Amino acid sequence: MQNTKTEIQNLANKLFPEMVSIRHHFHMNPELSTEEYQTAEFICEKLDEAGITYSKNIGGTGIVAIIEGKNPLSKNIALRADMDALPVVEENEVDYKSKISGKMHACGHDVHMTCLLGAGMILNTLKDQFNGSIKLIFQPSEETYPGGAIKMIGEGVLKNPKTQTVIGQHVTNEFDAGKIGVRSGLYMASTDEVFLTVRGKGGHAATPDQVIDPILIASHIIIAIQQIVSRNANPIVPTVVSFGKIIGEGRTNIIPDEVLVAGTIRTFDESWQVKIHEKIAKLSSSIAEGMGGSCETRISHGYPALVNDDQLTAKIRSWAIDYLGENNVLNLEKRMTAEDFAYFAKEVPSSFYRLGTRNEQEGKISNLHTSTFDIDENSILTGMGFMAYSAIRFLTEG
């Protein structure tokens, strides 16, 4: 595969200036989940220019392109990138700063789309050198439940031809550009949203004996739920329950009738995931009733835990060492963040790895989901090249 690797690297270097320009376009024109209309149009324009066939409006604004090699029905691999931005006000002072007020590609999805387009262009150039076919999945709405992955799967994205595996990548500022990180097995947590409506009896804050204080009740509930994690969860199974929103429409001297509380539940164990839902509902209700009020619990099921296929991930590690060198391939730790790529992994053997984008000298060190997140754009070379290389290795070796 040495000649193929060299060809891919040369093509990536040739495409690099265009890919940087494409990334800047995505970054300047972010669109939120389910709203990726202009983003999808731009992707289709680039696929048309490259002569790559595609279908659009899948799972909303999603696109699936197909690159057919020799004997295209013999085997199929899919490469996936997400498309949506976040409701973040960008603070970077760069030429490609977001032009859309309050919206920003703060999670690197602009990079993901760019790398997938670049990989597609490379693979389309080399399509006479491999058997099988490759799908390019541009997926909307990763950042908002229920997510675009499950919608695209429901509309047949893994069929016609049948896909044997899906590979995805995600940027990270945890390590430098030019490196990737991999992990077999459990990698990212499941995530659910919990909503509590705590009801009492409002009134004047100066006469607490005449009210049933929902703010006090909500406070007791929040503290008690943390004890579910510390005293009911198996200590070797990571579990997080965090509340990020409390709304009590009172004033300094007015106790409201109700309080709204919202948070997230994350774990790696599906059976425990069900039990913790039950415990939260039961505990919240009993505390509220014991204090004279009531609590309604609603839990919205989010993404399942992401499990990387062991055999495929071992191959990706080996391919990465061959493509990048052993010193540039790192081991990832489990993370409590979540990804709807997990739905692909539940359907077919899949693997999700990290693409390093950090560059301390350039000041590219901010975390994902922050207003100053940015990347070392040399990571695009690594991202598009390795995606293309992985696809060909899979089709060649399985």
Protein backbone atom coordinates (compact mmCIF):
# COMPACT_ATOMS: atom_id res chain seq x y z
CA MET A 1 0.00 0.00 0.00
CA GLN A 2 3.04 2.29 -0.03
CA ASN A 3 2.26 3.63 -3.50
CA THR A 4 -1.38 4.25 -2.55
CA LYS A 5 -0.35 6.07 0.62
CA THR A 6 2.02 8.29 -1.33
CA GLU A 7 -0.65 9.03 -3.94
CA ILE A 8 -3.15 9.98 -1.23
CA GLN A 9 -0.66 12.25 0.51
CA ASN A 10 0.24 13.95 -2.78
CA LEU A 11 -3.41 14.47 -3.65
CA ALA A 12 -4.13 15.82 -0.17
CA ASN A 13 -1.29 18.33 -0.49
CA LYS A 14 -2.58 19.40 -3.91
CA LEU A 15 -6.13 19.85 -2.60
CA PHE A 16 -5.09 21.55 0.64
CA PRO A 17 -5.46 25.22 -0.42
CA GLU A 18 -8.94 24.52 -1.80
CA MET A 19 -9.91 22.65 1.36
CA VAL A 20 -8.82 25.56 3.55
CA SER A 21 -10.99 27.87 1.45
CA ILE A 22 -13.93 25.45 1.80
CA ARG A 23 -13.45 25.27 5.56
CA HIS A 24 -13.47 29.08 5.73
CA HIS A 25 -16.75 29.17 3.80
CA PHE A 26 -18.35 26.69 6.20
CA HIS A 27 -16.99 28.59 9.21
CA MET A 28 -18.28 31.95 8.00
CA ASN A 29 -21.74 30.57 7.22
CA PRO A 30 -22.80 28.38 10.18
CA GLU A 31 -26.30 26.96 10.41
CA LEU A 32 -27.92 25.36 13.45
CA SER A 33 -29.39 21.87 13.71
CA THR A 34 -32.17 21.12 11.16
CA GLU A 35 -31.39 24.45 9.41
CA GLU A 36 -28.41 23.36 7.30
CA TYR A 37 -29.99 24.36 3.97
CA GLN A 38 -27.25 26.60 2.58
CA THR A 39 -24.59 24.27 3.94
CA ALA A 40 -26.18 21.37 2.06
CA GLU A 41 -26.40 23.41 -1.15
CA PHE A 42 -22.72 24.27 -0.94
CA ILE A 43 -21.77 20.62 -0.37
CA CYS A 44 -23.84 19.60 -3.40
CA GLU A 45 -22.10 22.26 -5.51
CA LYS A 46 -18.70 20.85 -4.55
CA LEU A 47 -19.81 17.28 -5.23
CA ASP A 48 -21.11 18.35 -8.65
CA GLU A 49 -17.79 20.02 -9.44
CA ALA A 50 -15.96 16.82 -8.47
CA GLY A 51 -18.30 14.64 -10.53
CA ILE A 52 -19.47 12.67 -7.48
CA THR A 53 -23.08 11.45 -7.54
CA TYR A 54 -25.30 11.98 -4.49
CA SER A 55 -28.79 12.00 -3.04
CA LYS A 56 -29.99 14.87 -0.85
CA ASN A 57 -32.69 15.75 1.68
CA ILE A 58 -32.12 12.54 3.64
CA GLY A 59 -33.09 12.79 7.30
CA GLY A 60 -33.75 16.48 6.72
CA THR A 61 -30.87 18.27 5.03
CA GLY A 62 -28.59 15.21 4.91
CA ILE A 63 -26.63 14.13 1.85
CA VAL A 64 -25.21 10.73 0.90
CA ALA A 65 -22.72 10.60 -1.96
CA ILE A 66 -21.41 7.42 -3.54
CA ILE A 67 -18.03 6.68 -5.10
CA GLU A 68 -17.97 3.45 -7.06
CA GLY A 69 -14.78 1.54 -7.68
CA LYS A 70 -14.46 -1.67 -9.62
CA ASN A 71 -17.16 -4.25 -8.80
CA PRO A 72 -19.01 -1.64 -6.68
CA LEU A 73 -21.50 -4.04 -5.09
CA SER A 74 -18.80 -6.28 -3.60
CA LYS A 75 -18.24 -4.22 -0.46
CA ASN A 76 -19.22 -0.83 0.95
CA ILE A 77 -17.83 1.46 3.64
CA ALA A 78 -19.35 4.75 4.79
CA LEU A 79 -17.47 7.83 6.00
CA ARG A 80 -19.49 10.28 8.07
CA ALA A 81 -19.31 14.00 8.90
CA ASP A 82 -21.82 16.16 10.79
CA MET A 83 -22.99 19.52 9.48
CA ASP A 84 -24.58 21.68 12.20
CA ALA A 85 -23.18 24.61 14.15
CA LEU A 86 -23.85 25.87 17.68
CA PRO A 87 -25.65 28.94 19.11
CA VAL A 88 -22.37 30.56 20.19
CA VAL A 89 -21.15 34.13 19.57
CA GLU A 90 -17.68 33.84 18.03
CA GLU A 91 -14.91 35.93 19.60
CA ASN A 92 -12.08 34.97 17.25
CA GLU A 93 -10.79 37.92 15.22
CA VAL A 94 -9.96 36.10 11.98
CA ASP A 95 -10.74 36.70 8.32
CA TYR A 96 -13.10 33.71 8.34
CA LYS A 97 -15.03 34.72 11.46
CA SER A 98 -18.71 33.75 11.52
CA LYS A 99 -20.88 36.20 9.61
CA ILE A 100 -24.05 34.94 11.30
CA SER A 101 -24.72 36.61 14.64
CA GLY A 102 -24.99 34.16 17.53
CA LYS A 103 -23.99 31.12 15.46
CA MET A 104 -20.58 29.47 15.24
CA HIS A 105 -18.88 26.24 14.22
CA ALA A 106 -17.54 25.88 17.76
CA CYS A 107 -17.48 22.06 17.64
CA GLY A 108 -15.45 21.69 14.46
CA HIS A 109 -18.18 20.39 12.18
CA ASP A 110 -16.85 22.76 9.51
CA VAL A 111 -13.62 20.75 9.66
CA HIS A 112 -15.48 17.43 9.53
CA MET A 113 -17.34 18.40 6.35
CA THR A 114 -14.17 19.77 4.78
CA CYS A 115 -12.21 16.60 5.50
CA LEU A 116 -14.99 14.41 4.12
CA LEU A 117 -15.21 16.45 0.91
CA GLY A 118 -11.44 16.25 0.57
CA ALA A 119 -11.42 12.51 1.19
CA GLY A 120 -14.20 12.12 -1.38
CA MET A 121 -12.23 14.02 -4.02
CA ILE A 122 -9.15 11.88 -3.35
CA LEU A 123 -11.13 8.64 -3.49
CA ASN A 124 -12.94 9.69 -6.66
CA THR A 125 -9.57 10.25 -8.32
CA LEU A 126 -8.37 6.79 -7.23
CA LYS A 127 -11.60 4.86 -7.84
CA ASP A 128 -10.01 2.67 -10.53
CA GLN A 129 -7.61 1.32 -7.89
CA PHE A 130 -10.08 -0.35 -5.51
CA ASN A 131 -12.99 -2.76 -5.55
CA GLY A 132 -16.27 -1.85 -3.87
CA SER A 133 -17.89 1.48 -3.12
CA ILE A 134 -17.69 4.28 -0.56
CA LYS A 135 -20.53 6.38 0.85
CA LEU A 136 -19.93 9.91 2.05
CA ILE A 137 -22.54 10.70 4.70
CA PHE A 138 -23.06 14.39 5.45
CA GLN A 139 -25.33 14.26 8.49
CA PRO A 140 -27.42 17.11 9.92
CA SER A 141 -28.44 17.85 13.48
CA GLU A 142 -25.85 16.07 15.61
CA GLU A 143 -26.12 18.72 18.32
CA THR A 144 -29.89 18.46 18.92
CA TYR A 145 -32.03 15.45 19.84
CA PRO A 146 -33.12 13.17 18.30
CA GLY A 147 -30.18 13.82 15.98
CA GLY A 148 -29.75 13.29 12.28
CA ALA A 149 -28.09 9.87 12.40
CA ILE A 150 -31.19 7.93 13.45
CA LYS A 151 -33.28 9.78 10.87
CA MET A 152 -30.85 9.01 8.05
CA ILE A 153 -30.66 5.36 9.12
CA GLY A 154 -34.45 5.20 9.11
CA GLU A 155 -34.46 6.52 5.54
CA GLY A 156 -32.06 3.81 4.37
CA VAL A 157 -28.65 5.48 4.37
CA LEU A 158 -26.96 2.15 5.17
CA LYS A 159 -28.78 0.30 2.38
CA ASN A 160 -28.55 0.16 -1.42
CA PRO A 161 -25.77 -0.87 -1.36
CA LYS A 162 -25.59 -2.42 2.07
CA THR A 163 -22.91 -0.80 4.22
CA GLN A 164 -20.56 -3.09 6.15
CA THR A 165 -19.00 -0.44 8.38
CA VAL A 166 -19.00 3.28 9.19
CA ILE A 167 -16.00 5.39 10.16
CA GLY A 168 -16.27 8.85 11.72
CA GLN A 169 -13.79 11.39 13.01
CA HIS A 170 -14.08 14.35 15.37
CA VAL A 171 -11.66 17.18 16.05
CA THR A 172 -10.07 17.69 19.45
CA ASN A 173 -7.79 20.35 20.88
CA GLU A 174 -6.43 17.84 23.40
CA PHE A 175 -3.50 16.98 21.14
CA ASP A 176 -1.62 18.50 18.24
CA ALA A 177 -2.45 18.58 14.56
CA GLY A 178 -0.92 15.64 12.75
CA LYS A 179 -2.02 13.16 15.40
CA ILE A 180 -5.10 11.01 15.83
CA GLY A 181 -6.50 9.17 18.86
CA VAL A 182 -8.33 5.83 18.89
CA ARG A 183 -10.11 3.67 21.44
CA SER A 184 -11.74 0.23 21.25
CA GLY A 185 -15.00 -0.66 22.97
CA LEU A 186 -16.93 1.81 25.12
CA TYR A 187 -15.86 5.32 24.25
CA MET A 188 -18.62 7.91 24.77
CA ALA A 189 -21.54 7.97 27.19
CA SER A 190 -25.26 7.75 26.63
CA THR A 191 -27.06 10.98 27.26
CA ASP A 192 -30.61 11.75 28.38
CA GLU A 193 -32.28 15.03 29.29
CA VAL A 194 -34.23 15.32 32.53
CA PHE A 195 -36.91 17.95 33.12
CA LEU A 196 -38.49 18.51 36.54
CA THR A 197 -41.55 20.67 37.18
CA VAL A 198 -41.73 21.36 40.91
CA ARG A 199 -45.05 22.81 42.05
CA GLY A 200 -45.96 24.43 45.34
CA LYS A 201 -47.98 27.45 46.46
CA GLY A 202 -46.56 30.88 45.84
CA GLY A 203 -46.89 34.00 47.92
CA HIS A 204 -45.05 36.76 49.71
CA ALA A 205 -41.48 35.93 50.67
CA ALA A 206 -42.04 37.60 54.04
CA THR A 207 -44.74 35.06 54.99
CA PRO A 208 -43.10 31.66 54.33
CA ASP A 209 -45.60 29.99 56.69
CA GLN A 210 -48.35 30.70 54.16
CA VAL A 211 -46.63 29.23 51.09
CA ILE A 212 -45.29 25.91 49.87
CA ASP A 213 -41.90 26.97 48.55
CA PRO A 214 -41.04 25.19 45.25
CA ILE A 215 -37.57 26.74 45.19
CA LEU A 216 -36.72 25.09 48.51
CA ILE A 217 -38.26 21.82 47.33
CA ALA A 218 -36.27 21.94 44.07
CA SER A 219 -33.07 22.55 46.02
CA HIS A 220 -33.64 19.45 48.15
CA ILE A 221 -34.41 17.39 45.05
CA ILE A 222 -31.24 18.48 43.24
CA ILE A 223 -29.05 17.60 46.21
CA ALA A 224 -30.81 14.28 46.77
CA ILE A 225 -30.42 13.24 43.13
CA GLN A 226 -26.66 13.65 43.42
CA GLN A 227 -26.78 11.00 46.15
CA ILE A 228 -28.28 8.54 43.64
CA VAL A 229 -24.96 8.72 41.80
CA SER A 230 -22.80 8.47 44.92
CA ARG A 231 -24.82 5.75 46.70
CA ASN A 232 -26.65 3.75 44.01
CA ALA A 233 -24.42 3.74 40.94
CA ASN A 234 -21.82 1.00 40.59
CA PRO A 235 -18.53 2.81 41.35
CA ILE A 236 -16.84 1.25 38.31
CA VAL A 237 -19.57 2.48 35.92
CA PRO A 238 -19.11 6.21 35.21
CA THR A 239 -22.32 8.15 35.86
CA VAL A 240 -22.97 11.88 35.72
CA VAL A 241 -26.14 13.77 36.61
CA SER A 242 -25.81 17.52 36.19
CA PHE A 243 -28.41 20.28 36.28
CA GLY A 244 -27.73 23.33 34.16
CA LYS A 245 -31.02 25.23 34.24
CA ILE A 246 -33.30 26.37 37.05
CA ILE A 247 -36.19 28.75 36.37
CA GLY A 248 -38.28 30.17 39.19
CA GLU A 249 -40.27 33.15 38.01
CA GLY A 250 -40.42 34.97 41.33
CA ARG A 251 -38.74 38.08 42.68
CA THR A 252 -36.76 39.00 45.75
CA ASN A 253 -40.02 39.20 47.68
CA ILE A 254 -42.20 36.79 45.69
CA ILE A 255 -42.11 33.01 45.96
CA PRO A 256 -43.38 31.47 42.67
CA ASP A 257 -45.91 28.70 42.26
CA GLU A 258 -43.53 26.44 40.36
CA VAL A 259 -39.89 25.90 39.46
CA LEU A 260 -38.52 24.31 36.30
CA VAL A 261 -35.28 22.33 36.51
CA ALA A 262 -33.39 20.81 33.55
CA GLY A 263 -30.29 18.68 33.35
CA THR A 264 -28.52 15.73 31.80
CA ILE A 265 -27.93 12.07 32.69
CA ARG A 266 -24.88 10.26 31.30
CA THR A 267 -23.60 6.74 31.75
CA PHE A 268 -22.22 3.71 29.89
CA ASP A 269 -24.58 1.00 31.18
CA GLU A 270 -28.00 0.70 29.49
CA SER A 271 -29.63 -1.30 32.28
CA TRP A 272 -28.45 1.23 34.87
CA GLN A 273 -29.65 4.00 32.55
CA VAL A 274 -33.22 2.65 32.92
CA LYS A 275 -32.92 2.28 36.70
CA ILE A 276 -31.61 5.80 37.27
CA HIS A 277 -34.59 7.20 35.36
CA GLU A 278 -36.93 5.36 37.72
CA LYS A 279 -35.00 6.45 40.81
CA ILE A 280 -34.97 10.12 39.81
CA ALA A 281 -38.72 10.14 39.21
CA LYS A 282 -39.53 8.33 42.46
CA LEU A 283 -37.15 10.37 44.62
CA SER A 284 -38.25 13.70 43.18
CA SER A 285 -41.93 12.92 43.69
CA SER A 286 -41.50 11.67 47.25
CA ILE A 287 -39.43 14.66 48.36
CA ALA A 288 -41.89 17.13 46.84
CA GLU A 289 -44.91 15.39 48.38
CA GLY A 290 -43.18 15.19 51.74
CA MET A 291 -42.75 18.96 51.67
CA GLY A 292 -46.34 19.60 50.62
CA GLY A 293 -45.80 20.06 46.91
CA SER A 294 -45.52 17.90 43.80
CA CYS A 295 -42.95 17.12 41.14
CA GLU A 296 -43.55 16.00 37.56
CA THR A 297 -40.55 14.26 35.95
CA ARG A 298 -40.02 14.00 32.21
CA ILE A 299 -36.94 12.29 30.81
CA SER A 300 -36.11 12.59 27.13
CA HIS A 301 -34.05 9.68 25.84
CA GLY A 302 -30.97 10.91 24.01
CA TYR A 303 -28.12 9.13 22.31
CA PRO A 304 -26.97 5.64 23.33
CA ALA A 305 -23.43 4.94 24.48
CA LEU A 306 -20.93 4.85 21.63
CA VAL A 307 -19.14 1.50 21.32
CA ASN A 308 -16.25 1.24 18.87
CA ASP A 309 -15.92 -2.18 17.26
CA ASP A 310 -12.79 -3.88 18.60
CA GLN A 311 -11.62 -5.48 15.37
CA LEU A 312 -12.25 -2.44 13.19
CA THR A 313 -10.61 -0.10 15.69
CA ALA A 314 -7.53 -2.34 15.85
CA LYS A 315 -7.29 -2.06 12.07
CA ILE A 316 -7.71 1.72 12.19
CA ARG A 317 -4.91 1.91 14.75
CA SER A 318 -2.68 -0.18 12.48
CA TRP A 319 -3.58 1.87 9.40
CA ALA A 320 -2.96 5.11 11.29
CA ILE A 321 0.49 3.93 12.40
CA ASP A 322 1.28 3.10 8.79
CA TYR A 323 -0.06 6.42 7.48
CA LEU A 324 1.13 8.79 10.23
CA GLY A 325 3.83 6.98 12.20
CA GLU A 326 3.50 5.31 15.60
CA ASN A 327 4.32 8.46 17.57
CA ASN A 328 1.30 10.21 16.04
CA VAL A 329 -1.27 7.61 17.09
CA LEU A 330 -2.57 8.05 20.65
CA ASN A 331 -4.84 6.14 23.00
CA LEU A 332 -8.09 7.82 23.99
CA GLU A 333 -9.77 7.71 27.39
CA LYS A 334 -13.52 7.26 27.89
CA ARG A 335 -15.50 10.51 27.78
CA MET A 336 -18.83 11.51 29.26
CA THR A 337 -19.72 13.55 26.20
CA ALA A 338 -22.11 11.94 23.72
CA GLU A 339 -22.42 11.48 19.95
CA ASP A 340 -25.26 10.32 17.74
CA PHE A 341 -22.66 8.43 15.68
CA ALA A 342 -23.53 5.80 18.30
CA TYR A 343 -26.62 4.95 16.24
CA PHE A 344 -24.44 3.93 13.30
CA ALA A 345 -22.34 1.80 15.65
CA LYS A 346 -25.48 -0.02 16.82
CA GLU A 347 -26.31 -0.95 13.21
CA VAL A 348 -22.94 -2.07 11.80
CA PRO A 349 -19.38 -2.45 13.14
CA SER A 350 -18.11 1.12 13.34
CA SER A 351 -15.34 3.24 14.80
CA PHE A 352 -15.09 6.88 15.81
CA TYR A 353 -11.66 8.45 16.31
CA ARG A 354 -10.28 11.88 17.19
CA LEU A 355 -8.35 14.25 14.94
CA GLY A 356 -5.85 16.51 16.70
CA THR A 357 -6.14 20.25 15.90
CA ARG A 358 -4.06 21.88 18.67
CA ASN A 359 -1.21 24.32 18.04
CA GLU A 360 0.02 26.17 21.10
CA GLN A 361 2.36 28.45 19.14
CA GLU A 362 -0.59 29.70 17.07
CA GLY A 363 -2.81 29.96 20.14
CA LYS A 364 -5.17 27.25 18.89
CA ILE A 365 -5.82 25.84 22.35
CA SER A 366 -9.44 26.66 23.22
CA ASN A 367 -11.87 23.90 24.10
CA LEU A 368 -14.70 22.71 21.90
CA HIS A 369 -18.02 24.57 22.38
CA THR A 370 -16.23 27.79 23.34
CA SER A 371 -16.38 31.16 21.59
CA THR A 372 -12.64 31.07 20.81
CA PHE A 373 -12.33 27.52 19.45
CA ASP A 374 -10.20 27.34 16.32
CA ILE A 375 -7.84 24.85 14.68
CA ASP A 376 -4.42 24.41 13.17
CA GLU A 377 -5.60 23.97 9.59
CA ASN A 378 -2.79 21.54 8.83
CA SER A 379 -5.06 19.04 10.62
CA ILE A 380 -7.22 19.08 7.48
CA LEU A 381 -4.35 17.39 5.62
CA THR A 382 -4.32 14.61 8.20
CA GLY A 383 -8.10 14.34 8.36
CA MET A 384 -8.92 14.06 4.67
CA GLY A 385 -5.89 11.92 3.87
CA PHE A 386 -6.39 9.39 6.62
CA MET A 387 -10.12 9.04 5.92
CA ALA A 388 -9.33 8.23 2.29
CA TYR A 389 -6.55 5.84 3.27
CA SER A 390 -8.79 4.03 5.79
CA ALA A 391 -11.53 3.55 3.20
CA ILE A 392 -9.16 2.02 0.67
CA ARG A 393 -7.52 -0.19 3.28
CA PHE A 394 -10.93 -1.49 4.37
CA LEU A 395 -12.01 -2.24 0.81
CA THR A 396 -8.69 -3.90 0.09
CA GLU A 397 -8.34 -5.93 3.28
CA GLY A 398 -11.72 -5.95 5.03
